[in-house]
């Protein structure tokens, strides 16, 4: 359970935040936000 919670923080939240920051000013902000929220939601479902 500890591993799963840490994975959600590192891979389900931190990863999309980093991707969002890397996509800044290259794609429309709403599109980047939707894609990153999609990553977080799918990571939670997967775990």
ModelCIF file with pLDDT and N, C-alpha, C, O atoms, coordinates in Angstrom:
data_MODEL
#
_entry.id   MODEL 
#
_entity.id                         1 
_entity.type                       polymer 
_entity.pdbx_number_of_molecules   1 
#
_entity_poly.entity_id                      1 
_entity_poly.type                           'polypeptide(L)' 
_entity_poly.nstd_linkage                   no 
_entity_poly.nstd_monomer                   no 
_entity_poly.pdbx_seq_one_letter_code       
;(UNK)(UNK)(UNK)(UNK)(UNK)(UNK)(UNK)(UNK)(UNK)(UNK)(UNK)(UNK)(UNK)(UNK)(UNK)(UNK)
(UNK)(UNK)(UNK)(UNK)(UNK)(UNK)(UNK)(UNK)(UNK)(UNK)(UNK)(UNK)(UNK)(UNK)(UNK)(UNK)
(UNK)(UNK)(UNK)(UNK)(UNK)(UNK)(UNK)(UNK)(UNK)(UNK)(UNK)(UNK)(UNK)(UNK)(UNK)
;
_entity_poly.pdbx_seq_one_letter_code_can   XXXXXXXXXXXXXXXXXXXXXXXXXXXXXXXXXXXXXXXXXXXXXXX 
_entity_poly.pdbx_strand_id                 A 
#
loop_
_entity_poly_seq.entity_id 
_entity_poly_seq.num 
_entity_poly_seq.mon_id 
_entity_poly_seq.hetero 
1 1  UNK n 
1 2  UNK n 
1 3  UNK n 
1 4  UNK n 
1 5  UNK n 
1 6  UNK n 
1 7  UNK n 
1 8  UNK n 
1 9  UNK n 
1 10 UNK n 
1 11 UNK n 
1 12 UNK n 
1 13 UNK n 
1 14 UNK n 
1 15 UNK n 
1 16 UNK n 
1 17 UNK n 
1 18 UNK n 
1 19 UNK n 
1 20 UNK n 
1 21 UNK n 
1 22 UNK n 
1 23 UNK n 
1 24 UNK n 
1 25 UNK n 
1 26 UNK n 
1 27 UNK n 
1 28 UNK n 
1 29 UNK n 
1 30 UNK n 
1 31 UNK n 
1 32 UNK n 
1 33 UNK n 
1 34 UNK n 
1 35 UNK n 
1 36 UNK n 
1 37 UNK n 
1 38 UNK n 
1 39 UNK n 
1 40 UNK n 
1 41 UNK n 
1 42 UNK n 
1 43 UNK n 
1 44 UNK n 
1 45 UNK n 
1 46 UNK n 
1 47 UNK n 
#
_struct_asym.id          A 
_struct_asym.entity_id   1 
#
loop_
_ma_qa_metric.id 
_ma_qa_metric.mode 
_ma_qa_metric.name 
_ma_qa_metric.software_group_id 
_ma_qa_metric.type 
1 global pLDDT . pLDDT 
2 local  pLDDT . pLDDT 
#
_ma_qa_metric_global.metric_id      1 
_ma_qa_metric_global.metric_value   92.00 
_ma_qa_metric_global.model_id       1 
_ma_qa_metric_global.ordinal_id     1 
#
loop_
_ma_qa_metric_local.label_asym_id 
_ma_qa_metric_local.label_comp_id 
_ma_qa_metric_local.label_seq_id 
_ma_qa_metric_local.metric_id 
_ma_qa_metric_local.metric_value 
_ma_qa_metric_local.model_id 
_ma_qa_metric_local.ordinal_id 
A UNK 1  2 88.00 1 1  
A UNK 2  2 89.00 1 2  
A UNK 3  2 90.00 1 3  
A UNK 4  2 91.00 1 4  
A UNK 5  2 92.00 1 5  
A UNK 6  2 92.00 1 6  
A UNK 7  2 92.00 1 7  
A UNK 8  2 93.00 1 8  
A UNK 9  2 92.00 1 9  
A UNK 10 2 91.00 1 10 
A UNK 11 2 93.00 1 11 
A UNK 12 2 92.00 1 12 
A UNK 13 2 94.00 1 13 
A UNK 14 2 94.00 1 14 
A UNK 15 2 94.00 1 15 
A UNK 16 2 94.00 1 16 
A UNK 17 2 95.00 1 17 
A UNK 18 2 95.00 1 18 
A UNK 19 2 94.00 1 19 
A UNK 20 2 94.00 1 20 
A UNK 21 2 93.00 1 21 
A UNK 22 2 91.00 1 22 
A UNK 23 2 89.00 1 23 
A UNK 24 2 83.00 1 24 
A UNK 25 2 82.00 1 25 
A UNK 26 2 87.00 1 26 
A UNK 27 2 89.00 1 27 
A UNK 28 2 91.00 1 28 
A UNK 29 2 90.00 1 29 
A UNK 30 2 91.00 1 30 
A UNK 31 2 92.00 1 31 
A UNK 32 2 91.00 1 32 
A UNK 33 2 93.00 1 33 
A UNK 34 2 93.00 1 34 
A UNK 35 2 92.00 1 35 
A UNK 36 2 92.00 1 36 
A UNK 37 2 94.00 1 37 
A UNK 38 2 94.00 1 38 
A UNK 39 2 94.00 1 39 
A UNK 40 2 95.00 1 40 
A UNK 41 2 95.00 1 41 
A UNK 42 2 95.00 1 42 
A UNK 43 2 94.00 1 43 
A UNK 44 2 95.00 1 44 
A UNK 45 2 94.00 1 45 
A UNK 46 2 93.00 1 46 
A UNK 47 2 93.00 1 47 
#
loop_
_atom_site.group_PDB 
_atom_site.id 
_atom_site.type_symbol 
_atom_site.label_atom_id 
_atom_site.label_alt_id 
_atom_site.label_comp_id 
_atom_site.label_asym_id 
_atom_site.label_entity_id 
_atom_site.label_seq_id 
_atom_site.pdbx_PDB_ins_code 
_atom_site.Cartn_x 
_atom_site.Cartn_y 
_atom_site.Cartn_z 
_atom_site.occupancy 
_atom_site.B_iso_or_equiv 
_atom_site.pdbx_formal_charge 
_atom_site.auth_seq_id 
_atom_site.auth_comp_id 
_atom_site.auth_asym_id 
_atom_site.auth_atom_id 
_atom_site.pdbx_PDB_model_num 
ATOM 1   N N  . UNK A 1 1  ? 0.824  -1.209 0.000   1.00 88.00 ? 1  UNK A N  1 
ATOM 2   C CA . UNK A 1 1  ? 0.000  0.000  0.000   1.00 88.00 ? 1  UNK A CA 1 
ATOM 3   C C  . UNK A 1 1  ? 0.860  1.262  0.000   1.00 88.00 ? 1  UNK A C  1 
ATOM 4   O O  . UNK A 1 1  ? 0.531  2.244  -0.665  1.00 88.00 ? 1  UNK A O  1 
ATOM 5   N N  . UNK A 1 2  ? 1.957  1.230  0.745   1.00 89.00 ? 2  UNK A N  1 
ATOM 6   C CA . UNK A 1 2  ? 2.889  2.359  0.747   1.00 89.00 ? 2  UNK A CA 1 
ATOM 7   C C  . UNK A 1 2  ? 3.426  2.609  -0.654  1.00 89.00 ? 2  UNK A C  1 
ATOM 8   O O  . UNK A 1 2  ? 3.508  3.749  -1.112  1.00 89.00 ? 2  UNK A O  1 
ATOM 9   N N  . UNK A 1 3  ? 3.788  1.528  -1.321  1.00 90.00 ? 3  UNK A N  1 
ATOM 10  C CA . UNK A 1 3  ? 4.340  1.638  -2.669  1.00 90.00 ? 3  UNK A CA 1 
ATOM 11  C C  . UNK A 1 3  ? 3.312  2.232  -3.624  1.00 90.00 ? 3  UNK A C  1 
ATOM 12  O O  . UNK A 1 3  ? 3.641  3.071  -4.462  1.00 90.00 ? 3  UNK A O  1 
ATOM 13  N N  . UNK A 1 4  ? 2.059  1.788  -3.488  1.00 91.00 ? 4  UNK A N  1 
ATOM 14  C CA . UNK A 1 4  ? 1.003  2.281  -4.367  1.00 91.00 ? 4  UNK A CA 1 
ATOM 15  C C  . UNK A 1 4  ? 0.750  3.771  -4.148  1.00 91.00 ? 4  UNK A C  1 
ATOM 16  O O  . UNK A 1 4  ? 0.563  4.516  -5.110  1.00 91.00 ? 4  UNK A O  1 
ATOM 17  N N  . UNK A 1 5  ? 0.742  4.207  -2.892  1.00 92.00 ? 5  UNK A N  1 
ATOM 18  C CA . UNK A 1 5  ? 0.522  5.627  -2.599  1.00 92.00 ? 5  UNK A CA 1 
ATOM 19  C C  . UNK A 1 5  ? 1.687  6.480  -3.092  1.00 92.00 ? 5  UNK A C  1 
ATOM 20  O O  . UNK A 1 5  ? 1.482  7.572  -3.621  1.00 92.00 ? 5  UNK A O  1 
ATOM 21  N N  . UNK A 1 6  ? 2.917  5.977  -2.916  1.00 92.00 ? 6  UNK A N  1 
ATOM 22  C CA . UNK A 1 6  ? 4.080  6.714  -3.415  1.00 92.00 ? 6  UNK A CA 1 
ATOM 23  C C  . UNK A 1 6  ? 4.059  6.790  -4.938  1.00 92.00 ? 6  UNK A C  1 
ATOM 24  O O  . UNK A 1 6  ? 4.427  7.813  -5.515  1.00 92.00 ? 6  UNK A O  1 
ATOM 25  N N  . UNK A 1 7  ? 3.628  5.708  -5.591  1.00 92.00 ? 7  UNK A N  1 
ATOM 26  C CA . UNK A 1 7  ? 3.524  5.712  -7.053  1.00 92.00 ? 7  UNK A CA 1 
ATOM 27  C C  . UNK A 1 7  ? 2.518  6.745  -7.533  1.00 92.00 ? 7  UNK A C  1 
ATOM 28  O O  . UNK A 1 7  ? 2.738  7.412  -8.544  1.00 92.00 ? 7  UNK A O  1 
ATOM 29  N N  . UNK A 1 8  ? 1.419  6.875  -6.812  1.00 93.00 ? 8  UNK A N  1 
ATOM 30  C CA . UNK A 1 8  ? 0.416  7.855  -7.213  1.00 93.00 ? 8  UNK A CA 1 
ATOM 31  C C  . UNK A 1 8  ? 0.978  9.270  -7.103  1.00 93.00 ? 8  UNK A C  1 
ATOM 32  O O  . UNK A 1 8  ? 0.704  10.119 -7.951  1.00 93.00 ? 8  UNK A O  1 
ATOM 33  N N  . UNK A 1 9  ? 1.757  9.520  -6.067  1.00 92.00 ? 9  UNK A N  1 
ATOM 34  C CA . UNK A 1 9  ? 2.354  10.842 -5.902  1.00 92.00 ? 9  UNK A CA 1 
ATOM 35  C C  . UNK A 1 9  ? 3.409  11.104 -6.978  1.00 92.00 ? 9  UNK A C  1 
ATOM 36  O O  . UNK A 1 9  ? 3.401  12.155 -7.619  1.00 92.00 ? 9  UNK A O  1 
ATOM 37  N N  . UNK A 1 10 ? 4.317  10.142 -7.172  1.00 91.00 ? 10 UNK A N  1 
ATOM 38  C CA . UNK A 1 10 ? 5.446  10.361 -8.076  1.00 91.00 ? 10 UNK A CA 1 
ATOM 39  C C  . UNK A 1 10 ? 5.053  10.233 -9.544  1.00 91.00 ? 10 UNK A C  1 
ATOM 40  O O  . UNK A 1 10 ? 5.451  11.049 -10.374 1.00 91.00 ? 10 UNK A O  1 
ATOM 41  N N  . UNK A 1 11 ? 4.267  9.200  -9.857  1.00 93.00 ? 11 UNK A N  1 
ATOM 42  C CA . UNK A 1 11 ? 3.973  8.913  -11.254 1.00 93.00 ? 11 UNK A CA 1 
ATOM 43  C C  . UNK A 1 11 ? 2.592  9.394  -11.694 1.00 93.00 ? 11 UNK A C  1 
ATOM 44  O O  . UNK A 1 11 ? 2.372  9.661  -12.875 1.00 93.00 ? 11 UNK A O  1 
ATOM 45  N N  . UNK A 1 12 ? 1.664  9.503  -10.742 1.00 92.00 ? 12 UNK A N  1 
ATOM 46  C CA . UNK A 1 12 ? 0.332  9.953  -11.094 1.00 92.00 ? 12 UNK A CA 1 
ATOM 47  C C  . UNK A 1 12 ? 0.149  11.450 -10.971 1.00 92.00 ? 12 UNK A C  1 
ATOM 48  O O  . UNK A 1 12 ? -0.747 12.014 -11.600 1.00 92.00 ? 12 UNK A O  1 
ATOM 49  N N  . UNK A 1 13 ? 0.989  12.115 -10.165 1.00 94.00 ? 13 UNK A N  1 
ATOM 50  C CA . UNK A 1 13 ? 0.866  13.561 -9.974  1.00 94.00 ? 13 UNK A CA 1 
ATOM 51  C C  . UNK A 1 13 ? 2.115  14.315 -10.438 1.00 94.00 ? 13 UNK A C  1 
ATOM 52  O O  . UNK A 1 13 ? 2.012  15.264 -11.214 1.00 94.00 ? 13 UNK A O  1 
ATOM 53  N N  . UNK A 1 14 ? 3.288  13.898 -9.970  1.00 94.00 ? 14 UNK A N  1 
ATOM 54  C CA . UNK A 1 14 ? 4.508  14.624 -10.336 1.00 94.00 ? 14 UNK A CA 1 
ATOM 55  C C  . UNK A 1 14 ? 4.790  14.538 -11.834 1.00 94.00 ? 14 UNK A C  1 
ATOM 56  O O  . UNK A 1 14 ? 5.177  15.532 -12.448 1.00 94.00 ? 14 UNK A O  1 
ATOM 57  N N  . UNK A 1 15 ? 4.601  13.362 -12.423 1.00 94.00 ? 15 UNK A N  1 
ATOM 58  C CA . UNK A 1 15 ? 4.896  13.204 -13.860 1.00 94.00 ? 15 UNK A CA 1 
ATOM 59  C C  . UNK A 1 15 ? 4.040  14.136 -14.721 1.00 94.00 ? 15 UNK A C  1 
ATOM 60  O O  . UNK A 1 15 ? 4.592  14.833 -15.572 1.00 94.00 ? 15 UNK A O  1 
ATOM 61  N N  . UNK A 1 16 ? 2.709  14.180 -14.539 1.00 94.00 ? 16 UNK A N  1 
ATOM 62  C CA . UNK A 1 16 ? 1.944  15.128 -15.360 1.00 94.00 ? 16 UNK A CA 1 
ATOM 63  C C  . UNK A 1 16 ? 2.258  16.591 -15.077 1.00 94.00 ? 16 UNK A C  1 
ATOM 64  O O  . UNK A 1 16 ? 2.160  17.421 -15.981 1.00 94.00 ? 16 UNK A O  1 
ATOM 65  N N  . UNK A 1 17 ? 2.637  16.932 -13.837 1.00 95.00 ? 17 UNK A N  1 
ATOM 66  C CA . UNK A 1 17 ? 3.019  18.316 -13.542 1.00 95.00 ? 17 UNK A CA 1 
ATOM 67  C C  . UNK A 1 17 ? 4.277  18.692 -14.322 1.00 95.00 ? 17 UNK A C  1 
ATOM 68  O O  . UNK A 1 17 ? 4.364  19.785 -14.881 1.00 95.00 ? 17 UNK A O  1 
ATOM 69  N N  . UNK A 1 18 ? 5.252  17.779 -14.358 1.00 95.00 ? 18 UNK A N  1 
ATOM 70  C CA . UNK A 1 18 ? 6.486  18.032 -15.103 1.00 95.00 ? 18 UNK A CA 1 
ATOM 71  C C  . UNK A 1 18 ? 6.192  18.155 -16.598 1.00 95.00 ? 18 UNK A C  1 
ATOM 72  O O  . UNK A 1 18 ? 6.736  19.027 -17.275 1.00 95.00 ? 18 UNK A O  1 
ATOM 73  N N  . UNK A 1 19 ? 5.334  17.279 -17.103 1.00 94.00 ? 19 UNK A N  1 
ATOM 74  C CA . UNK A 1 19 ? 4.964  17.354 -18.518 1.00 94.00 ? 19 UNK A CA 1 
ATOM 75  C C  . UNK A 1 19 ? 4.251  18.673 -18.814 1.00 94.00 ? 19 UNK A C  1 
ATOM 76  O O  . UNK A 1 19 ? 4.520  19.316 -19.829 1.00 94.00 ? 19 UNK A O  1 
ATOM 77  N N  . UNK A 1 20 ? 3.354  19.066 -17.934 1.00 94.00 ? 20 UNK A N  1 
ATOM 78  C CA . UNK A 1 20 ? 2.623  20.328 -18.119 1.00 94.00 ? 20 UNK A CA 1 
ATOM 79  C C  . UNK A 1 20 ? 3.602  21.505 -18.185 1.00 94.00 ? 20 UNK A C  1 
ATOM 80  O O  . UNK A 1 20 ? 3.473  22.388 -19.034 1.00 94.00 ? 20 UNK A O  1 
ATOM 81  N N  . UNK A 1 21 ? 4.581  21.502 -17.278 1.00 93.00 ? 21 UNK A N  1 
ATOM 82  C CA . UNK A 1 21 ? 5.566  22.587 -17.275 1.00 93.00 ? 21 UNK A CA 1 
ATOM 83  C C  . UNK A 1 21 ? 6.409  22.574 -18.547 1.00 93.00 ? 21 UNK A C  1 
ATOM 84  O O  . UNK A 1 21 ? 6.791  23.628 -19.056 1.00 93.00 ? 21 UNK A O  1 
ATOM 85  N N  . UNK A 1 22 ? 6.699  21.372 -19.060 1.00 91.00 ? 22 UNK A N  1 
ATOM 86  C CA . UNK A 1 22 ? 7.525  21.285 -20.271 1.00 91.00 ? 22 UNK A CA 1 
ATOM 87  C C  . UNK A 1 22 ? 6.764  21.719 -21.520 1.00 91.00 ? 22 UNK A C  1 
ATOM 88  O O  . UNK A 1 22 ? 7.373  22.156 -22.496 1.00 91.00 ? 22 UNK A O  1 
ATOM 89  N N  . UNK A 1 23 ? 5.439  21.602 -21.496 1.00 89.00 ? 23 UNK A N  1 
ATOM 90  C CA . UNK A 1 23 ? 4.624  21.964 -22.649 1.00 89.00 ? 23 UNK A CA 1 
ATOM 91  C C  . UNK A 1 23 ? 4.186  23.426 -22.633 1.00 89.00 ? 23 UNK A C  1 
ATOM 92  O O  . UNK A 1 23 ? 3.516  23.892 -23.555 1.00 89.00 ? 23 UNK A O  1 
ATOM 93  N N  . UNK A 1 24 ? 4.568  24.143 -21.581 1.00 83.00 ? 24 UNK A N  1 
ATOM 94  C CA . UNK A 1 24 ? 4.154  25.547 -21.460 1.00 83.00 ? 24 UNK A CA 1 
ATOM 95  C C  . UNK A 1 24 ? 4.624  26.345 -22.679 1.00 83.00 ? 24 UNK A C  1 
ATOM 96  O O  . UNK A 1 24 ? 5.770  26.226 -23.112 1.00 83.00 ? 24 UNK A O  1 
ATOM 97  N N  . UNK A 1 25 ? 3.721  27.154 -23.217 1.00 82.00 ? 25 UNK A N  1 
ATOM 98  C CA . UNK A 1 25 ? 3.993  28.053 -24.344 1.00 82.00 ? 25 UNK A CA 1 
ATOM 99  C C  . UNK A 1 25 ? 4.228  27.316 -25.667 1.00 82.00 ? 25 UNK A C  1 
ATOM 100 O O  . UNK A 1 25 ? 4.608  27.940 -26.657 1.00 82.00 ? 25 UNK A O  1 
ATOM 101 N N  . UNK A 1 26 ? 4.007  26.006 -25.694 1.00 87.00 ? 26 UNK A N  1 
ATOM 102 C CA . UNK A 1 26 ? 4.144  25.277 -26.961 1.00 87.00 ? 26 UNK A CA 1 
ATOM 103 C C  . UNK A 1 26 ? 2.811  24.738 -27.452 1.00 87.00 ? 26 UNK A C  1 
ATOM 104 O O  . UNK A 1 26 ? 2.639  24.492 -28.646 1.00 87.00 ? 26 UNK A O  1 
ATOM 105 N N  . UNK A 1 27 ? 1.867  24.556 -26.536 1.00 89.00 ? 27 UNK A N  1 
ATOM 106 C CA . UNK A 1 27 ? 0.525  24.093 -26.888 1.00 89.00 ? 27 UNK A CA 1 
ATOM 107 C C  . UNK A 1 27 ? -0.475 24.928 -26.100 1.00 89.00 ? 27 UNK A C  1 
ATOM 108 O O  . UNK A 1 27 ? -0.103 25.552 -25.107 1.00 89.00 ? 27 UNK A O  1 
ATOM 109 N N  . UNK A 1 28 ? -1.730 24.952 -26.519 1.00 91.00 ? 28 UNK A N  1 
ATOM 110 C CA . UNK A 1 28 ? -2.733 25.682 -25.730 1.00 91.00 ? 28 UNK A CA 1 
ATOM 111 C C  . UNK A 1 28 ? -2.807 25.157 -24.298 1.00 91.00 ? 28 UNK A C  1 
ATOM 112 O O  . UNK A 1 28 ? -2.817 23.947 -24.070 1.00 91.00 ? 28 UNK A O  1 
ATOM 113 N N  . UNK A 1 29 ? -2.859 26.071 -23.350 1.00 90.00 ? 29 UNK A N  1 
ATOM 114 C CA . UNK A 1 29 ? -2.860 25.682 -21.936 1.00 90.00 ? 29 UNK A CA 1 
ATOM 115 C C  . UNK A 1 29 ? -4.003 24.737 -21.572 1.00 90.00 ? 29 UNK A C  1 
ATOM 116 O O  . UNK A 1 29 ? -3.760 23.760 -20.864 1.00 90.00 ? 29 UNK A O  1 
ATOM 117 N N  . UNK A 1 30 ? -5.247 24.981 -22.024 1.00 91.00 ? 30 UNK A N  1 
ATOM 118 C CA . UNK A 1 30 ? -6.325 24.035 -21.683 1.00 91.00 ? 30 UNK A CA 1 
ATOM 119 C C  . UNK A 1 30 ? -6.068 22.621 -22.199 1.00 91.00 ? 30 UNK A C  1 
ATOM 120 O O  . UNK A 1 30 ? -6.386 21.642 -21.524 1.00 91.00 ? 30 UNK A O  1 
ATOM 121 N N  . UNK A 1 31 ? -5.489 22.519 -23.403 1.00 92.00 ? 31 UNK A N  1 
ATOM 122 C CA . UNK A 1 31 ? -5.204 21.192 -23.965 1.00 92.00 ? 31 UNK A CA 1 
ATOM 123 C C  . UNK A 1 31 ? -4.146 20.464 -23.135 1.00 92.00 ? 31 UNK A C  1 
ATOM 124 O O  . UNK A 1 31 ? -4.272 19.270 -22.865 1.00 92.00 ? 31 UNK A O  1 
ATOM 125 N N  . UNK A 1 32 ? -3.100 21.196 -22.734 1.00 91.00 ? 32 UNK A N  1 
ATOM 126 C CA . UNK A 1 32 ? -2.062 20.596 -21.891 1.00 91.00 ? 32 UNK A CA 1 
ATOM 127 C C  . UNK A 1 32 ? -2.629 20.158 -20.558 1.00 91.00 ? 32 UNK A C  1 
ATOM 128 O O  . UNK A 1 32 ? -2.292 19.087 -20.052 1.00 91.00 ? 32 UNK A O  1 
ATOM 129 N N  . UNK A 1 33 ? -3.503 20.996 -19.983 1.00 93.00 ? 33 UNK A N  1 
ATOM 130 C CA . UNK A 1 33 ? -4.109 20.661 -18.689 1.00 93.00 ? 33 UNK A CA 1 
ATOM 131 C C  . UNK A 1 33 ? -4.977 19.414 -18.796 1.00 93.00 ? 33 UNK A C  1 
ATOM 132 O O  . UNK A 1 33 ? -4.931 18.552 -17.919 1.00 93.00 ? 33 UNK A O  1 
ATOM 133 N N  . UNK A 1 34 ? -5.764 19.310 -19.859 1.00 93.00 ? 34 UNK A N  1 
ATOM 134 C CA . UNK A 1 34 ? -6.640 18.144 -20.026 1.00 93.00 ? 34 UNK A CA 1 
ATOM 135 C C  . UNK A 1 34 ? -5.812 16.869 -20.178 1.00 93.00 ? 34 UNK A C  1 
ATOM 136 O O  . UNK A 1 34 ? -6.131 15.842 -19.580 1.00 93.00 ? 34 UNK A O  1 
ATOM 137 N N  . UNK A 1 35 ? -4.742 16.941 -20.984 1.00 92.00 ? 35 UNK A N  1 
ATOM 138 C CA . UNK A 1 35 ? -3.891 15.761 -21.190 1.00 92.00 ? 35 UNK A CA 1 
ATOM 139 C C  . UNK A 1 35 ? -3.243 15.316 -19.884 1.00 92.00 ? 35 UNK A C  1 
ATOM 140 O O  . UNK A 1 35 ? -3.144 14.120 -19.610 1.00 92.00 ? 35 UNK A O  1 
ATOM 141 N N  . UNK A 1 36 ? -2.801 16.279 -19.081 1.00 92.00 ? 36 UNK A N  1 
ATOM 142 C CA . UNK A 1 36 ? -2.127 15.926 -17.827 1.00 92.00 ? 36 UNK A CA 1 
ATOM 143 C C  . UNK A 1 36 ? -3.113 15.408 -16.787 1.00 92.00 ? 36 UNK A C  1 
ATOM 144 O O  . UNK A 1 36 ? -2.782 14.504 -16.020 1.00 92.00 ? 36 UNK A O  1 
ATOM 145 N N  . UNK A 1 37 ? -4.318 15.970 -16.751 1.00 94.00 ? 37 UNK A N  1 
ATOM 146 C CA . UNK A 1 37 ? -5.354 15.434 -15.864 1.00 94.00 ? 37 UNK A CA 1 
ATOM 147 C C  . UNK A 1 37 ? -5.706 14.009 -16.283 1.00 94.00 ? 37 UNK A C  1 
ATOM 148 O O  . UNK A 1 37 ? -5.986 13.156 -15.441 1.00 94.00 ? 37 UNK A O  1 
ATOM 149 N N  . UNK A 1 38 ? -5.690 13.763 -17.577 1.00 94.00 ? 38 UNK A N  1 
ATOM 150 C CA . UNK A 1 38 ? -5.955 12.423 -18.093 1.00 94.00 ? 38 UNK A CA 1 
ATOM 151 C C  . UNK A 1 38 ? -4.900 11.431 -17.595 1.00 94.00 ? 38 UNK A C  1 
ATOM 152 O O  . UNK A 1 38 ? -5.226 10.302 -17.227 1.00 94.00 ? 38 UNK A O  1 
ATOM 153 N N  . UNK A 1 39 ? -3.644 11.856 -17.587 1.00 94.00 ? 39 UNK A N  1 
ATOM 154 C CA . UNK A 1 39 ? -2.565 10.999 -17.079 1.00 94.00 ? 39 UNK A CA 1 
ATOM 155 C C  . UNK A 1 39 ? -2.787 10.685 -15.601 1.00 94.00 ? 39 UNK A C  1 
ATOM 156 O O  . UNK A 1 39 ? -2.654 9.536  -15.180 1.00 94.00 ? 39 UNK A O  1 
ATOM 157 N N  . UNK A 1 40 ? -3.128 11.716 -14.809 1.00 95.00 ? 40 UNK A N  1 
ATOM 158 C CA . UNK A 1 40 ? -3.344 11.507 -13.375 1.00 95.00 ? 40 UNK A CA 1 
ATOM 159 C C  . UNK A 1 40 ? -4.514 10.562 -13.119 1.00 95.00 ? 40 UNK A C  1 
ATOM 160 O O  . UNK A 1 40 ? -4.414 9.652  -12.296 1.00 95.00 ? 40 UNK A O  1 
ATOM 161 N N  . UNK A 1 41 ? -5.615 10.776 -13.821 1.00 95.00 ? 41 UNK A N  1 
ATOM 162 C CA . UNK A 1 41 ? -6.790 9.925  -13.624 1.00 95.00 ? 41 UNK A CA 1 
ATOM 163 C C  . UNK A 1 41 ? -6.539 8.489  -14.034 1.00 95.00 ? 41 UNK A C  1 
ATOM 164 O O  . UNK A 1 41 ? -6.923 7.560  -13.324 1.00 95.00 ? 41 UNK A O  1 
ATOM 165 N N  . UNK A 1 42 ? -5.892 8.302  -15.180 1.00 95.00 ? 42 UNK A N  1 
ATOM 166 C CA . UNK A 1 42 ? -5.610 6.932  -15.649 1.00 95.00 ? 42 UNK A CA 1 
ATOM 167 C C  . UNK A 1 42 ? -4.599 6.237  -14.744 1.00 95.00 ? 42 UNK A C  1 
ATOM 168 O O  . UNK A 1 42 ? -4.679 5.026  -14.540 1.00 95.00 ? 42 UNK A O  1 
ATOM 169 N N  . UNK A 1 43 ? -3.643 6.998  -14.198 1.00 94.00 ? 43 UNK A N  1 
ATOM 170 C CA . UNK A 1 43 ? -2.686 6.398  -13.259 1.00 94.00 ? 43 UNK A CA 1 
ATOM 171 C C  . UNK A 1 43 ? -3.396 5.910  -12.003 1.00 94.00 ? 43 UNK A C  1 
ATOM 172 O O  . UNK A 1 43 ? -3.090 4.831  -11.495 1.00 94.00 ? 43 UNK A O  1 
ATOM 173 N N  . UNK A 1 44 ? -4.346 6.701  -11.497 1.00 95.00 ? 44 UNK A N  1 
ATOM 174 C CA . UNK A 1 44 ? -5.102 6.285  -10.303 1.00 95.00 ? 44 UNK A CA 1 
ATOM 175 C C  . UNK A 1 44 ? -5.906 5.022  -10.593 1.00 95.00 ? 44 UNK A C  1 
ATOM 176 O O  . UNK A 1 44 ? -5.936 4.100  -9.778  1.00 95.00 ? 44 UNK A O  1 
ATOM 177 N N  . UNK A 1 45 ? -6.558 4.982  -11.755 1.00 94.00 ? 45 UNK A N  1 
ATOM 178 C CA . UNK A 1 45 ? -7.329 3.786  -12.127 1.00 94.00 ? 45 UNK A CA 1 
ATOM 179 C C  . UNK A 1 45 ? -6.407 2.588  -12.273 1.00 94.00 ? 45 UNK A C  1 
ATOM 180 O O  . UNK A 1 45 ? -6.722 1.493  -11.806 1.00 94.00 ? 45 UNK A O  1 
ATOM 181 N N  . UNK A 1 46 ? -5.267 2.795  -12.921 1.00 93.00 ? 46 UNK A N  1 
ATOM 182 C CA . UNK A 1 46 ? -4.321 1.687  -13.147 1.00 93.00 ? 46 UNK A CA 1 
ATOM 183 C C  . UNK A 1 46 ? -3.802 1.124  -11.826 1.00 93.00 ? 46 UNK A C  1 
ATOM 184 O O  . UNK A 1 46 ? -3.714 -0.094 -11.671 1.00 93.00 ? 46 UNK A O  1 
ATOM 185 N N  . UNK A 1 47 ? -3.462 1.976  -10.888 1.00 93.00 ? 47 UNK A N  1 
ATOM 186 C CA . UNK A 1 47 ? -2.940 1.510  -9.604  1.00 93.00 ? 47 UNK A CA 1 
ATOM 187 C C  . UNK A 1 47 ? -4.014 0.797  -8.793  1.00 93.00 ? 47 UNK A C  1 
ATOM 188 O O  . UNK A 1 47 ? -3.746 0.339  -7.682  1.00 93.00 ? 47 UNK A O  1 
#
